[in-house]
Amino acid sequence: MSAQKKSYEATFRTLAYLSAFSLLSWISALNTLPTTIIGVIISLYVVYVTIIAFSDIHEITTARALIAVVLIFVLFIIIIVIISIIVGMFAYVWVTGMQQQIADQTNQQLLNQMSKASP
């Protein structure tokens, strides 16, 4: 039980340190080519250090640590895509509903104008 607690604690500590370090990757938000390159290099370095740290902490091979990191990234992307699809569906339903309301109001106004204009 202590080995599991130690590995969880070490994993949490490593991720906390790396998340603080990965804040430097936001340098790429300055939208200039050198800062973008620096941001990408820092991000790749953080991934590299994460893989090495996971393999060292959990005493697994680097390949297994790489698979774990890639799986986390893939799952994150899948979750983001699912959320985007759901938000997009709600936005589509809302926009089409608004368009229908506008069309109904316009038709009602045209009918009112036509009924006032005809004797």
C-alpha atoms as a PDB file:
ATOM      1  CA  MET A   1       0.000   0.000   0.000  1.00  0.00           C
ATOM      2  CA  SER A   2       2.823   2.424   0.744  1.00  0.00           C
ATOM      3  CA  ALA A   3       4.328   1.808  -2.705  1.00  0.00           C
ATOM      4  CA  GLN A   4       1.056   2.821  -4.340  1.00  0.00           C
ATOM      5  CA  LYS A   5       0.797   5.909  -2.164  1.00  0.00           C
ATOM      6  CA  LYS A   6       4.393   6.811  -2.896  1.00  0.00           C
ATOM      7  CA  SER A   7       3.945   6.402  -6.662  1.00  0.00           C
ATOM      8  CA  TYR A   8       0.732   8.454  -6.580  1.00  0.00           C
ATOM      9  CA  GLU A   9       2.407  11.113  -4.491  1.00  0.00           C
ATOM     10  CA  ALA A  10       5.457  11.169  -6.744  1.00  0.00           C
ATOM     11  CA  THR A  11       3.295  11.299  -9.872  1.00  0.00           C
ATOM     12  CA  PHE A  12       1.246  14.156  -8.466  1.00  0.00           C
ATOM     13  CA  ARG A  13       4.356  16.070  -7.441  1.00  0.00           C
ATOM     14  CA  THR A  14       5.967  15.536 -10.861  1.00  0.00           C
ATOM     15  CA  LEU A  15       2.861  16.693 -12.712  1.00  0.00           C
ATOM     16  CA  ALA A  16       2.601  19.737 -10.459  1.00  0.00           C
ATOM     17  CA  TYR A  17       6.193  20.731 -11.157  1.00  0.00           C
ATOM     18  CA  LEU A  18       5.809  20.127 -14.885  1.00  0.00           C
ATOM     19  CA  SER A  19       2.563  22.078 -15.090  1.00  0.00           C
ATOM     20  CA  ALA A  20       4.332  25.055 -13.532  1.00  0.00           C
ATOM     21  CA  PHE A  21       7.192  24.645 -15.996  1.00  0.00           C
ATOM     22  CA  SER A  22       4.824  24.268 -18.928  1.00  0.00           C
ATOM     23  CA  LEU A  23       3.469  27.752 -18.261  1.00  0.00           C
ATOM     24  CA  LEU A  24       6.505  28.908 -20.217  1.00  0.00           C
ATOM     25  CA  SER A  25       5.015  27.309 -23.322  1.00  0.00           C
ATOM     26  CA  TRP A  26       2.460  30.136 -23.335  1.00  0.00           C
ATOM     27  CA  ILE A  27       5.245  32.327 -24.655  1.00  0.00           C
ATOM     28  CA  SER A  28       4.036  31.225 -28.080  1.00  0.00           C
ATOM     29  CA  ALA A  29       0.910  33.342 -27.517  1.00  0.00           C
ATOM     30  CA  LEU A  30       2.956  36.414 -28.458  1.00  0.00           C
ATOM     31  CA  ASN A  31       2.432  35.374 -32.110  1.00  0.00           C
ATOM     32  CA  THR A  32       5.911  35.962 -33.373  1.00  0.00           C
ATOM     33  CA  LEU A  33       7.922  33.242 -35.060  1.00  0.00           C
ATOM     34  CA  PRO A  34      10.755  33.053 -32.480  1.00  0.00           C
ATOM     35  CA  THR A  35       8.358  32.890 -29.528  1.00  0.00           C
ATOM     36  CA  THR A  36       6.236  30.276 -31.287  1.00  0.00           C
ATOM     37  CA  ILE A  37       9.310  28.122 -31.876  1.00  0.00           C
ATOM     38  CA  ILE A  38      10.392  28.588 -28.255  1.00  0.00           C
ATOM     39  CA  GLY A  39       6.899  27.637 -27.044  1.00  0.00           C
ATOM     40  CA  VAL A  40       6.874  24.469 -29.156  1.00  0.00           C
ATOM     41  CA  ILE A  41      10.358  23.491 -27.958  1.00  0.00           C
ATOM     42  CA  ILE A  42       9.342  24.019 -24.319  1.00  0.00           C
ATOM     43  CA  SER A  43       6.165  21.975 -24.822  1.00  0.00           C
ATOM     44  CA  LEU A  44       8.085  19.112 -26.404  1.00  0.00           C
ATOM     45  CA  TYR A  45      10.649  19.246 -23.604  1.00  0.00           C
ATOM     46  CA  VAL A  46       7.871  19.033 -21.001  1.00  0.00           C
ATOM     47  CA  VAL A  47       6.484  15.949 -22.749  1.00  0.00           C
ATOM     48  CA  TYR A  48       9.975  14.418 -22.845  1.00  0.00           C
ATOM     49  CA  VAL A  49      10.562  15.083 -19.140  1.00  0.00           C
ATOM     50  CA  THR A  50       7.104  13.684 -18.332  1.00  0.00           C
ATOM     51  CA  ILE A  51       7.914  10.447 -20.143  1.00  0.00           C
ATOM     52  CA  ILE A  52      11.288  10.113 -18.415  1.00  0.00           C
ATOM     53  CA  ALA A  53       9.769  10.955 -15.014  1.00  0.00           C
ATOM     54  CA  PHE A  54       6.924   8.445 -15.418  1.00  0.00           C
ATOM     55  CA  SER A  55       9.309   5.688 -16.424  1.00  0.00           C
ATOM     56  CA  ASP A  56      11.553   6.462 -13.447  1.00  0.00           C
ATOM     57  CA  ILE A  57       8.778   6.885 -10.856  1.00  0.00           C
ATOM     58  CA  HIS A  58       6.776   3.813 -11.830  1.00  0.00           C
ATOM     59  CA  GLU A  59       9.816   1.753 -12.780  1.00  0.00           C
ATOM     60  CA  ILE A  60       8.511   0.984 -16.260  1.00  0.00           C
ATOM     61  CA  THR A  61      10.159   1.144 -19.644  1.00  0.00           C
ATOM     62  CA  THR A  62      10.317   4.389 -21.546  1.00  0.00           C
ATOM     63  CA  ALA A  63       8.104   2.875 -24.240  1.00  0.00           C
ATOM     64  CA  ARG A  64       5.337   2.145 -21.730  1.00  0.00           C
ATOM     65  CA  ALA A  65       5.645   5.650 -20.305  1.00  0.00           C
ATOM     66  CA  LEU A  66       5.422   7.043 -23.841  1.00  0.00           C
ATOM     67  CA  ILE A  67       2.269   5.019 -24.462  1.00  0.00           C
ATOM     68  CA  ALA A  68       0.757   6.314 -21.212  1.00  0.00           C
ATOM     69  CA  VAL A  69       1.497   9.940 -22.094  1.00  0.00           C
ATOM     70  CA  VAL A  70       0.187   9.519 -25.654  1.00  0.00           C
ATOM     71  CA  LEU A  71      -2.979   7.831 -24.360  1.00  0.00           C
ATOM     72  CA  ILE A  72      -3.598  10.706 -21.956  1.00  0.00           C
ATOM     73  CA  PHE A  73      -3.182  13.161 -24.825  1.00  0.00           C
ATOM     74  CA  VAL A  74      -5.475  11.158 -27.133  1.00  0.00           C
ATOM     75  CA  LEU A  75      -8.159  10.860 -24.456  1.00  0.00           C
ATOM     76  CA  PHE A  76      -7.949  14.598 -23.836  1.00  0.00           C
ATOM     77  CA  ILE A  77      -8.390  15.305 -27.561  1.00  0.00           C
ATOM     78  CA  ILE A  78     -11.340  12.888 -27.773  1.00  0.00           C
ATOM     79  CA  ILE A  79     -13.044  14.590 -24.823  1.00  0.00           C
ATOM     80  CA  ILE A  80     -12.493  18.019 -26.386  1.00  0.00           C
ATOM     81  CA  VAL A  81     -13.933  16.808 -29.712  1.00  0.00           C
ATOM     82  CA  ILE A  82     -16.997  15.323 -27.998  1.00  0.00           C
ATOM     83  CA  ILE A  83     -17.607  18.532 -26.047  1.00  0.00           C
ATOM     84  CA  SER A  84     -17.172  20.579 -29.230  1.00  0.00           C
ATOM     85  CA  ILE A  85     -19.689  18.411 -31.085  1.00  0.00           C
ATOM     86  CA  ILE A  86     -22.227  18.731 -28.268  1.00  0.00           C
ATOM     87  CA  VAL A  87     -21.783  22.510 -28.074  1.00  0.00           C
ATOM     88  CA  GLY A  88     -21.997  22.715 -31.868  1.00  0.00           C
ATOM     89  CA  MET A  89     -25.244  20.742 -31.892  1.00  0.00           C
ATOM     90  CA  PHE A  90     -26.793  23.012 -29.269  1.00  0.00           C
ATOM     91  CA  ALA A  91     -25.621  26.082 -31.173  1.00  0.00           C
ATOM     92  CA  TYR A  92     -27.070  24.712 -34.416  1.00  0.00           C
ATOM     93  CA  VAL A  93     -30.430  23.979 -32.774  1.00  0.00           C
ATOM     94  CA  TRP A  94     -30.487  27.413 -31.163  1.00  0.00           C
ATOM     95  CA  VAL A  95     -29.584  29.227 -34.402  1.00  0.00           C
ATOM     96  CA  THR A  96     -32.121  27.313 -36.485  1.00  0.00           C
ATOM     97  CA  GLY A  97     -34.766  27.967 -33.833  1.00  0.00           C
ATOM     98  CA  MET A  98     -33.946  31.669 -33.897  1.00  0.00           C
ATOM     99  CA  GLN A  99     -34.082  31.686 -37.705  1.00  0.00           C
ATOM    100  CA  GLN A 100     -37.486  30.010 -37.577  1.00  0.00           C
ATOM    101  CA  GLN A 101     -38.756  32.584 -35.079  1.00  0.00           C
ATOM    102  CA  ILE A 102     -37.495  35.430 -37.261  1.00  0.00           C
ATOM    103  CA  ALA A 103     -39.095  33.862 -40.329  1.00  0.00           C
ATOM    104  CA  ASP A 104     -42.390  33.410 -38.475  1.00  0.00           C
ATOM    105  CA  GLN A 105     -42.338  37.028 -37.272  1.00  0.00           C
ATOM    106  CA  THR A 106     -41.535  38.282 -40.763  1.00  0.00           C
ATOM    107  CA  ASN A 107     -44.344  36.209 -42.272  1.00  0.00           C
ATOM    108  CA  GLN A 108     -46.766  37.477 -39.626  1.00  0.00           C
ATOM    109  CA  GLN A 109     -45.756  41.081 -40.309  1.00  0.00           C
ATOM    110  CA  LEU A 110     -46.210  40.563 -44.056  1.00  0.00           C
ATOM    111  CA  LEU A 111     -49.630  39.005 -43.487  1.00  0.00           C
ATOM    112  CA  ASN A 112     -50.636  41.943 -41.259  1.00  0.00           C
ATOM    113  CA  GLN A 113     -49.469  44.454 -43.861  1.00  0.00           C
ATOM    114  CA  MET A 114     -51.273  42.594 -46.628  1.00  0.00           C
ATOM    115  CA  SER A 115     -54.483  42.413 -44.624  1.00  0.00           C
ATOM    116  CA  LYS A 116     -54.332  46.180 -43.897  1.00  0.00           C
ATOM    117  CA  ALA A 117     -53.577  47.015 -47.528  1.00  0.00           C
ATOM    118  CA  SER A 118     -56.417  44.943 -49.029  1.00  0.00           C
ATOM    119  CA  PRO A 119     -59.921  46.486 -48.879  1.00  0.00           C
END
